[in-house]
């Protein structure tokens, strides 16, 4: 897998975040089939997104990023995802890595990850499958991780590391395991090359191993108690903000493309002599409902994150606002799944064929739905709070 550092700082680029993403659409669309076959986003597409400054959309301005409003992030990620599911998923993972690193890592880490304001890409998987032990102002870390989206060209690989001391796991004041978010250099990571999946194939999200090594404390922070070092209200909304925005926005964009492919299919599919699918009332009913479902999901998510951002500006973030934001991302994915299932069923054998955009987006949407942030466990977590189950709370 090749690597490619960033080349352009966002400040050097004009145009809205959405217009930059939209301008890349035809190029991304043209490369989608080859990306899936190669199981990796082409270097040209990665570079084009880089040069548009889009990977830096979540990074604090003082680290060279865009620090964009949540609605701008949603629109840009959704647009990339509309053109190709794998590209949108890959991009949002790299964006999230940059936003988290930029806001919470130490100064020497930012100097290495964003040299002269140019983001060199963080990717990985922050699951608690690594181990960290403190040694002075360093940590000795090691671990194995799955689904490292964005890793094919990232210069820094991130993971979650459970903190140990004297051979025992360290617990916080609430008796929860202390977990560090940490970034290690690409050169010190072993990629396992085992990407063989149904959907999101172009992301090349292979598993990886971090051999035991020392990293400076600046390249880590405590996920349970993240201390904001840079940026404004965007980073006071809650640690999980970036991941929930990125996954929900991906679903909105991919579902919009699924709707468009369904519409095109219906307008060209004959169901009887002189009768096209889009002439049928059952199609018209189902398509209208799907259209409304997507519009509602888009509006809910943008409103929820606008409310949360406004509260962060005012210093009045509440658990209720965070719950709505988290739920809106899951709801966006729920809408995407309903649309994907309806369109795939209506497309009959066309939806089964390799090379069909309907098939590819169906696979990409359903594969992404397995993610813990927007899948079944997210609904259950929020439902427990809404149902007033004793002791229930959301982590945001």
Protein backbone atom coordinates (compact mmCIF):
# COMPACT_ATOMS: atom_id res chain seq x y z
CA UNK A 1 0.00 0.00 0.00
CA UNK A 2 1.38 3.37 -1.04
CA UNK A 3 1.56 6.45 1.12
CA UNK A 4 0.96 10.06 0.15
CA UNK A 5 1.39 13.12 2.38
CA UNK A 6 -0.87 16.13 2.15
CA UNK A 7 0.22 18.93 -0.13
CA UNK A 8 -2.08 21.91 0.33
CA UNK A 9 -3.30 23.89 3.32
CA UNK A 10 -7.03 24.77 3.33
CA UNK A 11 -6.26 28.47 3.74
CA UNK A 12 -4.78 28.47 0.23
CA UNK A 13 -8.04 27.32 -1.36
CA UNK A 14 -11.20 29.26 -2.20
CA UNK A 15 -14.80 28.11 -2.46
CA UNK A 16 -17.20 26.55 0.02
CA UNK A 17 -16.51 23.11 1.42
CA UNK A 18 -19.50 21.75 -0.47
CA UNK A 19 -18.46 23.29 -3.78
CA UNK A 20 -14.97 21.83 -3.43
CA UNK A 21 -16.40 18.36 -2.85
CA UNK A 22 -18.90 18.71 -5.69
CA UNK A 23 -16.21 19.77 -8.15
CA UNK A 24 -14.40 16.47 -7.54
CA UNK A 25 -17.54 14.40 -8.10
CA UNK A 26 -17.07 13.33 -11.74
CA UNK A 27 -13.46 12.32 -11.09
CA UNK A 28 -14.45 10.27 -8.03
CA UNK A 29 -17.34 8.65 -9.90
CA UNK A 30 -15.12 7.70 -12.84
CA UNK A 31 -12.59 6.02 -10.54
CA UNK A 32 -15.09 4.16 -8.33
CA UNK A 33 -15.11 0.81 -10.15
CA UNK A 34 -11.31 0.68 -10.41
CA UNK A 35 -10.97 1.65 -6.75
CA UNK A 36 -13.21 -1.24 -5.75
CA UNK A 37 -11.24 -3.67 -7.90
CA UNK A 38 -7.91 -2.43 -6.49
CA UNK A 39 -9.39 -2.29 -2.96
CA UNK A 40 -7.81 1.12 -2.54
CA UNK A 41 -8.69 4.70 -3.47
CA UNK A 42 -6.48 5.80 -6.35
CA UNK A 43 -3.59 8.14 -5.58
CA UNK A 44 -5.05 10.72 -7.95
CA UNK A 45 -8.36 10.86 -6.09
CA UNK A 46 -6.66 11.02 -2.68
CA UNK A 47 -4.45 13.84 -3.90
CA UNK A 48 -7.34 15.76 -5.43
CA UNK A 49 -9.28 15.64 -2.15
CA UNK A 50 -6.09 16.72 -0.39
CA UNK A 51 -5.52 19.65 -2.72
CA UNK A 52 -9.10 20.76 -2.14
CA UNK A 53 -8.28 20.90 1.60
CA UNK A 54 -11.19 18.62 2.44
CA UNK A 55 -9.29 16.19 4.67
CA UNK A 56 -8.55 19.14 6.98
CA UNK A 57 -12.16 20.23 7.37
CA UNK A 58 -12.37 19.16 11.04
CA UNK A 59 -8.89 20.29 12.13
CA UNK A 60 -8.58 23.46 14.31
CA UNK A 61 -7.61 26.57 12.37
CA UNK A 62 -4.55 27.13 14.53
CA UNK A 63 -3.25 23.73 13.37
CA UNK A 64 -3.85 24.64 9.72
CA UNK A 65 -7.34 23.20 9.35
CA UNK A 66 -10.78 24.43 8.44
CA UNK A 67 -12.63 24.06 11.77
CA UNK A 68 -15.82 24.08 9.73
CA UNK A 69 -19.33 24.33 11.14
CA UNK A 70 -20.99 20.91 11.59
CA UNK A 71 -23.49 21.60 8.79
CA UNK A 72 -20.63 22.35 6.39
CA UNK A 73 -18.99 19.08 7.42
CA UNK A 74 -22.21 17.15 6.86
CA UNK A 75 -22.70 18.62 3.39
CA UNK A 76 -19.11 18.00 2.26
CA UNK A 77 -18.94 14.40 3.51
CA UNK A 78 -22.37 13.62 2.07
CA UNK A 79 -21.31 14.99 -1.32
CA UNK A 80 -18.15 12.87 -1.48
CA UNK A 81 -20.19 9.84 -0.41
CA UNK A 82 -22.80 10.49 -3.11
CA UNK A 83 -20.18 10.01 -5.81
CA UNK A 84 -18.64 6.88 -4.30
CA UNK A 85 -19.32 5.13 -1.01
CA UNK A 86 -15.75 3.94 -0.50
CA UNK A 87 -14.31 7.39 -1.19
CA UNK A 88 -16.72 9.07 1.21
CA UNK A 89 -16.03 6.52 3.92
CA UNK A 90 -12.27 6.75 3.43
CA UNK A 91 -12.38 10.55 3.49
CA UNK A 92 -14.53 10.87 6.60
CA UNK A 93 -12.20 8.55 8.52
CA UNK A 94 -9.18 10.69 7.66
CA UNK A 95 -11.14 13.88 8.47
CA UNK A 96 -12.11 12.49 11.87
CA UNK A 97 -8.54 11.48 12.66
CA UNK A 98 -7.37 15.00 11.91
CA UNK A 99 -10.07 16.69 13.96
CA UNK A 100 -9.37 14.58 17.03
CA UNK A 101 -5.59 14.87 16.73
CA UNK A 102 -5.71 18.60 16.13
CA UNK A 103 -7.89 19.34 19.13
CA UNK A 104 -6.47 16.98 21.76
CA UNK A 105 -2.84 15.99 21.04
CA UNK A 106 0.23 17.80 22.36
CA UNK A 107 2.27 20.41 20.51
CA UNK A 108 5.07 18.13 19.31
CA UNK A 109 2.49 15.74 17.86
CA UNK A 110 0.80 18.54 15.94
CA UNK A 111 4.16 19.70 14.60
CA UNK A 112 4.71 16.19 13.24
CA UNK A 113 1.18 15.46 12.02
CA UNK A 114 0.43 18.93 10.60
CA UNK A 115 3.85 20.30 9.58
CA UNK A 116 3.46 23.93 8.49
CA UNK A 117 -0.30 23.47 8.53
CA UNK A 118 -0.30 20.56 6.08
CA UNK A 119 -2.16 17.52 7.36
CA UNK A 120 -0.32 14.24 6.76
CA UNK A 121 -3.34 12.07 7.63
CA UNK A 122 -4.31 10.00 10.67
CA UNK A 123 -6.34 6.82 10.31
CA UNK A 124 -6.93 3.58 12.17
CA UNK A 125 -9.37 2.13 14.64
CA UNK A 126 -9.82 3.31 18.21
CA UNK A 127 -10.96 0.03 19.74
CA UNK A 128 -9.62 -0.92 23.21
CA UNK A 129 -7.39 -3.70 21.90
CA UNK A 130 -3.98 -2.20 22.65
CA UNK A 131 -1.91 -1.92 25.81
CA UNK A 132 -0.04 1.13 27.13
CA UNK A 133 2.36 1.47 30.06
CA UNK A 134 3.75 4.83 31.19
CA UNK A 135 7.51 5.35 31.23
CA UNK A 136 8.30 8.90 32.30
CA UNK A 137 7.00 11.30 29.63
CA UNK A 138 6.51 8.39 27.19
CA UNK A 139 4.21 5.41 26.84
CA UNK A 140 5.18 1.92 25.77
CA UNK A 141 2.39 0.76 23.46
CA UNK A 142 1.45 -2.30 21.43
CA UNK A 143 -1.72 -3.78 19.93
CA UNK A 144 -3.64 -5.27 17.03
CA UNK A 145 -6.55 -3.53 15.27
CA UNK A 146 -9.16 -4.18 12.59
CA UNK A 147 -10.75 -2.07 9.86
CA UNK A 148 -8.16 0.69 9.57
CA UNK A 149 -10.10 2.90 7.16
CA UNK A 150 -7.87 5.52 5.57
CA UNK A 151 -4.70 3.57 6.31
CA UNK A 152 -3.50 2.98 2.73
CA UNK A 153 -2.12 6.53 2.54
CA UNK A 154 -2.10 7.72 6.16
CA UNK A 155 1.20 8.69 7.75
CA UNK A 156 -0.07 8.11 11.30
CA UNK A 157 -2.04 5.13 12.61
CA UNK A 158 -4.29 5.61 15.60
CA UNK A 159 -5.56 3.04 18.08
CA UNK A 160 -7.05 2.64 21.53
CA UNK A 161 -4.70 1.50 24.32
CA UNK A 162 -5.81 0.36 27.77
CA UNK A 163 -3.50 1.89 30.35
CA UNK A 164 -1.62 -0.51 32.64
CA UNK A 165 0.49 0.03 35.74
CA UNK A 166 2.44 -2.68 37.58
CA UNK A 167 0.80 -5.25 35.30
CA UNK A 168 -2.76 -4.17 36.18
CA UNK A 169 -5.29 -2.14 34.22
CA UNK A 170 -5.68 1.43 35.49
CA UNK A 171 -9.21 2.47 36.49
CA UNK A 172 -10.60 6.00 36.70
CA UNK A 173 -12.69 7.49 39.51
CA UNK A 174 -15.78 5.72 38.14
CA UNK A 175 -14.03 2.32 38.05
CA UNK A 176 -13.84 2.45 34.26
CA UNK A 177 -10.74 1.33 32.38
CA UNK A 178 -8.55 4.23 31.29
CA UNK A 179 -8.03 4.15 27.53
CA UNK A 180 -5.61 6.29 25.57
CA UNK A 181 -6.08 7.49 22.00
CA UNK A 182 -2.61 7.39 20.45
CA UNK A 183 -0.96 7.92 17.07
CA UNK A 184 2.15 6.06 15.92
CA UNK A 185 4.21 6.60 12.74
CA UNK A 186 3.30 4.59 9.68
CA UNK A 187 6.86 3.24 9.44
CA UNK A 188 6.40 1.50 12.79
CA UNK A 189 3.17 -0.34 11.91
CA UNK A 190 2.71 -3.75 10.31
CA UNK A 191 -0.22 -3.99 7.87
CA UNK A 192 -1.82 -7.43 7.66
CA UNK A 193 -3.21 -7.13 4.12
CA UNK A 194 -6.41 -9.07 4.80
CA UNK A 195 -9.07 -6.87 3.19
CA UNK A 196 -11.63 -9.32 1.74
CA UNK A 197 -15.12 -7.92 2.28
CA UNK A 198 -18.55 -7.47 0.74
CA UNK A 199 -18.86 -3.68 0.77
CA UNK A 200 -16.71 -0.56 1.11
CA UNK A 201 -14.08 -2.56 -0.74
CA UNK A 202 -12.29 0.48 -2.11
CA UNK A 203 -11.36 1.70 1.35
CA UNK A 204 -8.62 -0.91 1.83
CA UNK A 205 -9.35 -0.96 5.56
CA UNK A 206 -6.91 -3.71 6.45
CA UNK A 207 -6.11 -4.92 9.94
CA UNK A 208 -2.83 -3.71 11.41
CA UNK A 209 -0.41 -4.48 14.23
CA UNK A 210 1.49 -1.97 16.34
CA UNK A 211 4.66 -3.70 17.58
CA UNK A 212 5.84 -2.67 21.04
CA UNK A 213 7.38 0.81 20.91
CA UNK A 214 7.82 4.03 22.88
CA UNK A 215 5.87 7.14 21.93
CA UNK A 216 5.93 10.58 23.55
CA UNK A 217 2.94 11.56 25.68
CA UNK A 218 2.13 14.38 23.24
CA UNK A 219 0.92 11.72 20.80
CA UNK A 220 -1.72 10.48 23.28
CA UNK A 221 -4.69 11.65 25.31
CA UNK A 222 -7.16 10.06 27.72
CA UNK A 223 -10.38 9.30 25.82
CA UNK A 224 -12.38 9.32 29.05
CA UNK A 225 -11.10 12.77 29.99
CA UNK A 226 -10.05 14.57 26.79
CA UNK A 227 -8.45 17.96 27.39
CA UNK A 228 -9.02 20.43 24.56
CA UNK A 229 -5.74 22.07 23.54
CA UNK A 230 -6.79 23.93 20.40
CA UNK A 231 -9.83 25.24 18.58
CA UNK A 232 -13.17 26.71 19.54
CA UNK A 233 -16.71 25.51 20.28
CA UNK A 234 -16.61 22.71 17.71
CA UNK A 235 -14.40 20.72 20.06
CA UNK A 236 -16.54 21.39 23.13
CA UNK A 237 -19.54 19.58 21.67
CA UNK A 238 -18.31 16.16 22.85
CA UNK A 239 -15.49 13.81 21.93
CA UNK A 240 -17.69 11.61 19.70
CA UNK A 241 -18.96 14.57 17.67
CA UNK A 242 -16.63 14.01 14.73
CA UNK A 243 -17.29 10.30 14.35
CA UNK A 244 -21.06 10.68 14.62
CA UNK A 245 -21.13 13.55 12.12
CA UNK A 246 -18.97 11.66 9.65
CA UNK A 247 -20.94 8.40 9.77
CA UNK A 248 -24.34 10.08 9.62
CA UNK A 249 -23.26 12.36 6.77
CA UNK A 250 -21.89 9.38 4.86
CA UNK A 251 -25.29 7.70 5.12
CA UNK A 252 -27.08 10.81 3.82
CA UNK A 253 -24.87 11.05 0.74
CA UNK A 254 -24.86 7.35 -0.11
CA UNK A 255 -28.64 7.18 0.31
CA UNK A 256 -29.11 10.17 -2.00
CA UNK A 257 -27.14 8.33 -4.68
CA UNK A 258 -29.19 5.18 -4.09
CA UNK A 259 -32.35 7.21 -4.64
CA UNK A 260 -30.94 8.67 -7.85
CA UNK A 261 -29.94 5.24 -9.20
CA UNK A 262 -33.39 3.90 -8.31
CA UNK A 263 -35.04 6.80 -10.17
CA UNK A 264 -32.91 6.23 -13.27
CA UNK A 265 -33.62 2.52 -13.18
CA UNK A 266 -37.38 3.06 -12.90
CA UNK A 267 -37.43 5.51 -15.80
CA UNK A 268 -35.77 2.96 -18.09
CA UNK A 269 -37.36 -0.28 -16.95
CA UNK A 270 -40.36 -1.62 -18.87
CA UNK A 271 -42.90 -3.55 -16.80
CA UNK A 272 -45.41 -4.15 -19.59
CA UNK A 273 -45.93 -2.90 -23.14
CA UNK A 274 -46.15 0.86 -22.91
CA UNK A 275 -45.71 0.84 -19.12
CA UNK A 276 -42.46 1.90 -17.45
CA UNK A 277 -41.78 1.28 -13.77
CA UNK A 278 -41.99 4.98 -13.00
CA UNK A 279 -45.55 5.01 -14.40
CA UNK A 280 -46.64 2.60 -11.69
CA UNK A 281 -48.37 4.04 -8.63
CA UNK A 282 -46.61 1.62 -6.31
CA UNK A 283 -43.23 3.01 -7.44
CA UNK A 284 -44.48 6.58 -7.16
CA UNK A 285 -45.71 5.95 -3.61
CA UNK A 286 -42.53 4.16 -2.47
CA UNK A 287 -40.21 6.69 -4.08
CA UNK A 288 -42.03 9.65 -2.56
CA UNK A 289 -41.85 8.06 0.87
CA UNK A 290 -38.13 7.36 0.47
CA UNK A 291 -37.52 10.92 -0.70
CA UNK A 292 -39.32 12.30 2.35
CA UNK A 293 -37.44 9.89 4.63
CA UNK A 294 -34.10 11.20 3.40
CA UNK A 295 -35.14 14.85 3.59
CA UNK A 296 -36.32 14.36 7.16
CA UNK A 297 -33.08 12.62 8.17
CA UNK A 298 -31.01 15.41 6.62
CA UNK A 299 -33.00 18.13 8.37
CA UNK A 300 -32.96 16.35 11.74
CA UNK A 301 -29.23 15.81 11.69
CA UNK A 302 -28.37 19.37 10.64
CA UNK A 303 -30.73 20.85 13.22
CA UNK A 304 -29.43 18.62 16.01
CA UNK A 305 -25.80 19.51 15.33
CA UNK A 306 -26.57 23.20 14.84
CA UNK A 307 -28.29 23.23 18.23
CA UNK A 308 -25.37 21.43 19.83
CA UNK A 309 -22.85 23.80 18.23
CA UNK A 310 -24.80 26.87 19.38
CA UNK A 311 -24.83 25.46 22.90
CA UNK A 312 -21.06 24.91 22.74
CA UNK A 313 -20.63 28.56 21.69
CA UNK A 314 -22.72 29.63 24.68
CA UNK A 315 -21.01 27.17 27.04
CA UNK A 316 -24.28 25.36 27.72
CA UNK A 317 -23.87 21.87 26.21
CA UNK A 318 -26.30 19.40 27.78
CA UNK A 319 -26.66 15.62 27.69
CA UNK A 320 -30.07 16.10 26.04
CA UNK A 321 -28.52 17.97 23.11
CA UNK A 322 -25.77 15.37 22.78
CA UNK A 323 -28.36 12.60 22.80
CA UNK A 324 -30.31 14.25 19.96
CA UNK A 325 -27.10 14.65 17.95
CA UNK A 326 -26.12 11.03 18.41
CA UNK A 327 -29.64 9.83 17.63
CA UNK A 328 -29.83 11.97 14.49
CA UNK A 329 -26.74 10.22 13.08
CA UNK A 330 -28.24 6.79 13.77
CA UNK A 331 -31.53 7.97 12.27
CA UNK A 332 -29.70 9.06 9.10
CA UNK A 333 -28.30 5.58 8.78
CA UNK A 334 -31.68 4.05 9.48
CA UNK A 335 -33.14 6.07 6.60
CA UNK A 336 -30.26 5.03 4.35
CA UNK A 337 -30.91 1.37 5.11
CA UNK A 338 -34.62 1.69 4.34
CA UNK A 339 -33.87 3.38 1.03
CA UNK A 340 -31.15 0.87 0.12
CA UNK A 341 -33.41 -2.09 0.83
CA UNK A 342 -36.36 -0.62 -1.08
CA UNK A 343 -34.29 0.32 -4.12
CA UNK A 344 -32.45 -3.00 -4.21
CA UNK A 345 -35.69 -4.97 -4.02
CA UNK A 346 -37.28 -2.88 -6.78
CA UNK A 347 -34.25 -3.32 -9.07
CA UNK A 348 -34.68 -7.12 -9.12
CA UNK A 349 -31.90 -8.83 -11.10
CA UNK A 350 -30.24 -5.55 -12.12
CA UNK A 351 -29.35 -4.96 -8.49
CA UNK A 352 -27.56 -8.30 -8.40
CA UNK A 353 -25.11 -7.59 -11.20
CA UNK A 354 -21.49 -6.62 -10.64
CA UNK A 355 -20.77 -3.23 -12.13
CA UNK A 356 -24.19 -1.88 -11.20
CA UNK A 357 -24.07 1.29 -9.11
CA UNK A 358 -27.24 0.09 -7.40
CA UNK A 359 -25.45 -3.04 -6.28
CA UNK A 360 -22.30 -1.22 -5.18
CA UNK A 361 -24.12 1.39 -3.12
CA UNK A 362 -26.37 -1.26 -1.59
CA UNK A 363 -23.30 -3.20 -0.46
CA UNK A 364 -21.56 -0.07 0.80
CA UNK A 365 -24.55 1.20 2.79
CA UNK A 366 -25.32 -2.15 4.39
CA UNK A 367 -21.65 -2.73 5.22
CA UNK A 368 -21.33 0.66 6.87
CA UNK A 369 -24.43 -0.07 8.94
CA UNK A 370 -22.42 -2.65 10.89
CA UNK A 371 -20.49 0.16 12.58
CA UNK A 372 -21.11 0.49 16.30
CA UNK A 373 -21.61 4.27 16.11
CA UNK A 374 -24.78 4.11 14.05
CA UNK A 375 -25.86 0.47 14.15
CA UNK A 376 -28.01 -1.50 16.56
CA UNK A 377 -25.95 -0.77 19.69
CA UNK A 378 -26.27 2.98 19.13
CA UNK A 379 -30.06 2.72 18.96
CA UNK A 380 -30.09 0.62 22.12
CA UNK A 381 -27.82 3.05 24.00
CA UNK A 382 -30.04 6.03 23.18
CA UNK A 383 -33.22 4.03 23.71
CA UNK A 384 -32.16 3.12 27.22
CA UNK A 385 -31.80 6.80 28.07
CA UNK A 386 -35.08 7.79 26.41
CA UNK A 387 -36.80 4.90 28.18
CA UNK A 388 -35.40 6.12 31.51
CA UNK A 389 -33.68 2.84 32.30
CA UNK A 390 -31.92 3.20 35.64
CA UNK A 391 -28.23 4.02 35.23
CA UNK A 392 -28.48 4.53 31.46
CA UNK A 393 -26.34 7.22 29.85
CA UNK A 394 -24.80 7.99 26.47
CA UNK A 395 -21.12 8.41 25.77
CA UNK A 396 -20.57 11.39 23.53
